[in-house]
């Protein structure tokens, strides 16, 4: 059941990110990938995700980085992206409603589409020129 409020501030971003990654960390398909890569650096990763979504959704420029590069060589495929999207949208729908929530879902779709396409391309190229 959705709350009657939209994503409005950094506290909302943190709630979204923490809830979503809580699901990812226990998901049968995604947890092994994320936990292997992130290991004991979850607090650092979550802080980075707060800044990323704060920049993307709230137009508060706190994220500096290249989001694709850390994902380029992960052993992931279409099924992983579909599960990531399912969990992300499920979390959005549980916690929020409104224009920013819709934008977050749209941006997640576009990000997954672009990352999946680029990862496939780099796999075909033998991971040359990733960045």
C-alpha atoms as a PDB file:
ATOM      1  CA  UNK A   1       0.000   0.000   0.000  1.00  0.00           C
ATOM      2  CA  UNK A   2       1.417   3.399  -1.006  1.00  0.00           C
ATOM      3  CA  UNK A   3       1.809   6.308   1.315  1.00  0.00           C
ATOM      4  CA  UNK A   4       0.063   9.450   0.192  1.00  0.00           C
ATOM      5  CA  UNK A   5       3.280  11.384  -0.161  1.00  0.00           C
ATOM      6  CA  UNK A   6       5.919  11.781  -2.799  1.00  0.00           C
ATOM      7  CA  UNK A   7       9.708  11.732  -2.587  1.00  0.00           C
ATOM      8  CA  UNK A   8      10.406  15.214  -1.258  1.00  0.00           C
ATOM      9  CA  UNK A   9      13.749  15.313   0.522  1.00  0.00           C
ATOM     10  CA  UNK A  10      16.926  13.484   1.462  1.00  0.00           C
ATOM     11  CA  UNK A  11      15.183  11.570   4.256  1.00  0.00           C
ATOM     12  CA  UNK A  12      12.792  10.152   1.658  1.00  0.00           C
ATOM     13  CA  UNK A  13      15.735   9.206  -0.570  1.00  0.00           C
ATOM     14  CA  UNK A  14      17.392   7.436   2.354  1.00  0.00           C
ATOM     15  CA  UNK A  15      14.194   5.545   3.145  1.00  0.00           C
ATOM     16  CA  UNK A  16      13.894   4.429  -0.490  1.00  0.00           C
ATOM     17  CA  UNK A  17      17.555   3.415  -0.793  1.00  0.00           C
ATOM     18  CA  UNK A  18      17.756   1.650   2.573  1.00  0.00           C
ATOM     19  CA  UNK A  19      14.534  -0.288   2.000  1.00  0.00           C
ATOM     20  CA  UNK A  20      15.448  -1.223  -1.559  1.00  0.00           C
ATOM     21  CA  UNK A  21      18.970  -2.389  -0.742  1.00  0.00           C
ATOM     22  CA  UNK A  22      17.640  -4.302   2.259  1.00  0.00           C
ATOM     23  CA  UNK A  23      15.652  -6.335  -0.270  1.00  0.00           C
ATOM     24  CA  UNK A  24      18.618  -6.636  -2.639  1.00  0.00           C
ATOM     25  CA  UNK A  25      20.866  -7.923   0.153  1.00  0.00           C
ATOM     26  CA  UNK A  26      18.488 -10.800   0.841  1.00  0.00           C
ATOM     27  CA  UNK A  27      17.395 -11.531  -2.731  1.00  0.00           C
ATOM     28  CA  UNK A  28      18.394 -14.993  -3.967  1.00  0.00           C
ATOM     29  CA  UNK A  29      19.518 -13.727  -7.390  1.00  0.00           C
ATOM     30  CA  UNK A  30      20.985 -10.318  -6.571  1.00  0.00           C
ATOM     31  CA  UNK A  31      22.482 -10.755  -3.103  1.00  0.00           C
ATOM     32  CA  UNK A  32      25.448 -12.889  -4.212  1.00  0.00           C
ATOM     33  CA  UNK A  33      26.445 -10.328  -6.875  1.00  0.00           C
ATOM     34  CA  UNK A  34      26.099  -7.271  -4.631  1.00  0.00           C
ATOM     35  CA  UNK A  35      27.557  -8.856  -1.511  1.00  0.00           C
ATOM     36  CA  UNK A  36      30.566 -10.218  -3.410  1.00  0.00           C
ATOM     37  CA  UNK A  37      31.336  -6.807  -4.908  1.00  0.00           C
ATOM     38  CA  UNK A  38      30.481  -4.571  -1.951  1.00  0.00           C
ATOM     39  CA  UNK A  39      31.560  -6.906   0.871  1.00  0.00           C
ATOM     40  CA  UNK A  40      31.841  -4.891   4.110  1.00  0.00           C
ATOM     41  CA  UNK A  41      31.494  -1.532   2.348  1.00  0.00           C
ATOM     42  CA  UNK A  42      27.688  -1.309   2.473  1.00  0.00           C
ATOM     43  CA  UNK A  43      27.641   1.976   4.433  1.00  0.00           C
ATOM     44  CA  UNK A  44      29.885   3.559   1.786  1.00  0.00           C
ATOM     45  CA  UNK A  45      27.734   2.181  -1.027  1.00  0.00           C
ATOM     46  CA  UNK A  46      24.510   3.388   0.575  1.00  0.00           C
ATOM     47  CA  UNK A  47      25.931   6.894   1.071  1.00  0.00           C
ATOM     48  CA  UNK A  48      26.871   6.945  -2.608  1.00  0.00           C
ATOM     49  CA  UNK A  49      23.359   5.834  -3.566  1.00  0.00           C
ATOM     50  CA  UNK A  50      21.809   8.540  -1.378  1.00  0.00           C
ATOM     51  CA  UNK A  51      23.878  11.161  -3.218  1.00  0.00           C
ATOM     52  CA  UNK A  52      23.114   9.639  -6.624  1.00  0.00           C
ATOM     53  CA  UNK A  53      19.335   9.633  -6.156  1.00  0.00           C
ATOM     54  CA  UNK A  54      19.413  13.017  -4.410  1.00  0.00           C
ATOM     55  CA  UNK A  55      21.111  14.436  -7.490  1.00  0.00           C
ATOM     56  CA  UNK A  56      18.834  12.659  -9.956  1.00  0.00           C
ATOM     57  CA  UNK A  57      15.473  13.185  -8.266  1.00  0.00           C
ATOM     58  CA  UNK A  58      15.857  16.306  -6.146  1.00  0.00           C
ATOM     59  CA  UNK A  59      18.255  18.213  -8.408  1.00  0.00           C
ATOM     60  CA  UNK A  60      20.560  18.683  -5.419  1.00  0.00           C
ATOM     61  CA  UNK A  61      23.975  18.039  -6.917  1.00  0.00           C
ATOM     62  CA  UNK A  62      25.762  15.927  -4.342  1.00  0.00           C
ATOM     63  CA  UNK A  63      26.856  12.976  -6.511  1.00  0.00           C
ATOM     64  CA  UNK A  64      30.108  13.097  -8.409  1.00  0.00           C
ATOM     65  CA  UNK A  65      31.051   9.987 -10.245  1.00  0.00           C
ATOM     66  CA  UNK A  66      30.537   7.698 -13.160  1.00  0.00           C
ATOM     67  CA  UNK A  67      27.829   5.197 -12.257  1.00  0.00           C
ATOM     68  CA  UNK A  68      28.440   2.791 -15.125  1.00  0.00           C
ATOM     69  CA  UNK A  69      32.098   1.859 -14.639  1.00  0.00           C
ATOM     70  CA  UNK A  70      31.695  -0.128 -11.376  1.00  0.00           C
ATOM     71  CA  UNK A  71      28.985  -2.234 -13.008  1.00  0.00           C
ATOM     72  CA  UNK A  72      30.678  -2.910 -16.335  1.00  0.00           C
ATOM     73  CA  UNK A  73      32.380  -6.180 -15.467  1.00  0.00           C
ATOM     74  CA  UNK A  74      29.732  -7.652 -13.177  1.00  0.00           C
ATOM     75  CA  UNK A  75      28.525 -11.154 -14.096  1.00  0.00           C
ATOM     76  CA  UNK A  76      24.952  -9.999 -14.726  1.00  0.00           C
ATOM     77  CA  UNK A  77      22.395 -10.443 -17.477  1.00  0.00           C
ATOM     78  CA  UNK A  78      18.818  -9.547 -18.391  1.00  0.00           C
ATOM     79  CA  UNK A  79      17.362 -11.546 -15.511  1.00  0.00           C
ATOM     80  CA  UNK A  80      19.408  -9.575 -12.983  1.00  0.00           C
ATOM     81  CA  UNK A  81      18.230  -6.287 -14.428  1.00  0.00           C
ATOM     82  CA  UNK A  82      14.613  -7.426 -14.384  1.00  0.00           C
ATOM     83  CA  UNK A  83      14.877  -8.488 -10.751  1.00  0.00           C
ATOM     84  CA  UNK A  84      16.610  -5.206  -9.801  1.00  0.00           C
ATOM     85  CA  UNK A  85      13.789  -3.264 -11.477  1.00  0.00           C
ATOM     86  CA  UNK A  86      11.101  -5.395  -9.892  1.00  0.00           C
ATOM     87  CA  UNK A  87      12.495  -4.812  -6.405  1.00  0.00           C
ATOM     88  CA  UNK A  88      13.054  -1.108  -7.028  1.00  0.00           C
ATOM     89  CA  UNK A  89       9.530  -0.501  -8.297  1.00  0.00           C
ATOM     90  CA  UNK A  90       8.037  -2.678  -5.575  1.00  0.00           C
ATOM     91  CA  UNK A  91       9.847  -0.549  -2.996  1.00  0.00           C
ATOM     92  CA  UNK A  92       8.727   2.685  -4.653  1.00  0.00           C
ATOM     93  CA  UNK A  93       5.109   1.539  -4.710  1.00  0.00           C
ATOM     94  CA  UNK A  94       5.215   0.463  -1.068  1.00  0.00           C
ATOM     95  CA  UNK A  95       6.654   3.743   0.164  1.00  0.00           C
ATOM     96  CA  UNK A  96       5.696   6.589  -2.165  1.00  0.00           C
ATOM     97  CA  UNK A  97       3.307   7.941  -4.745  1.00  0.00           C
ATOM     98  CA  UNK A  98       3.435  11.076  -6.851  1.00  0.00           C
ATOM     99  CA  UNK A  99       5.423  12.656  -9.635  1.00  0.00           C
ATOM    100  CA  UNK A 100       8.904  12.068  -8.167  1.00  0.00           C
ATOM    101  CA  UNK A 101       8.053   8.437  -7.498  1.00  0.00           C
ATOM    102  CA  UNK A 102       6.945   8.077 -11.128  1.00  0.00           C
ATOM    103  CA  UNK A 103      10.134   9.805 -12.249  1.00  0.00           C
ATOM    104  CA  UNK A 104      12.218   7.448 -10.101  1.00  0.00           C
ATOM    105  CA  UNK A 105      10.576   4.430 -11.765  1.00  0.00           C
ATOM    106  CA  UNK A 106      11.112   5.930 -15.226  1.00  0.00           C
ATOM    107  CA  UNK A 107      14.755   6.725 -14.493  1.00  0.00           C
ATOM    108  CA  UNK A 108      15.341   3.233 -13.100  1.00  0.00           C
ATOM    109  CA  UNK A 109      13.912   1.749 -16.322  1.00  0.00           C
ATOM    110  CA  UNK A 110      16.191   3.916 -18.460  1.00  0.00           C
ATOM    111  CA  UNK A 111      19.244   3.196 -16.315  1.00  0.00           C
ATOM    112  CA  UNK A 112      18.682  -0.557 -16.429  1.00  0.00           C
ATOM    113  CA  UNK A 113      18.141  -0.441 -20.180  1.00  0.00           C
ATOM    114  CA  UNK A 114      21.315   1.572 -20.762  1.00  0.00           C
ATOM    115  CA  UNK A 115      23.472  -0.437 -18.339  1.00  0.00           C
ATOM    116  CA  UNK A 116      22.286  -3.756 -19.767  1.00  0.00           C
ATOM    117  CA  UNK A 117      22.986  -2.604 -23.308  1.00  0.00           C
ATOM    118  CA  UNK A 118      26.433  -1.237 -22.480  1.00  0.00           C
ATOM    119  CA  UNK A 119      27.430  -4.307 -20.472  1.00  0.00           C
ATOM    120  CA  UNK A 120      26.408  -6.559 -23.368  1.00  0.00           C
ATOM    121  CA  UNK A 121      28.444  -4.413 -25.752  1.00  0.00           C
ATOM    122  CA  UNK A 122      31.548  -4.501 -23.557  1.00  0.00           C
ATOM    123  CA  UNK A 123      31.226  -8.260 -23.077  1.00  0.00           C
ATOM    124  CA  UNK A 124      31.179  -8.637 -26.875  1.00  0.00           C
ATOM    125  CA  UNK A 125      34.255  -6.421 -27.098  1.00  0.00           C
ATOM    126  CA  UNK A 126      36.125  -8.352 -24.431  1.00  0.00           C
ATOM    127  CA  UNK A 127      35.762  -5.474 -21.927  1.00  0.00           C
ATOM    128  CA  UNK A 128      37.986  -3.139 -23.920  1.00  0.00           C
ATOM    129  CA  UNK A 129      37.538   0.603 -23.412  1.00  0.00           C
ATOM    130  CA  UNK A 130      34.977   0.304 -20.620  1.00  0.00           C
ATOM    131  CA  UNK A 131      34.966   3.952 -19.680  1.00  0.00           C
END
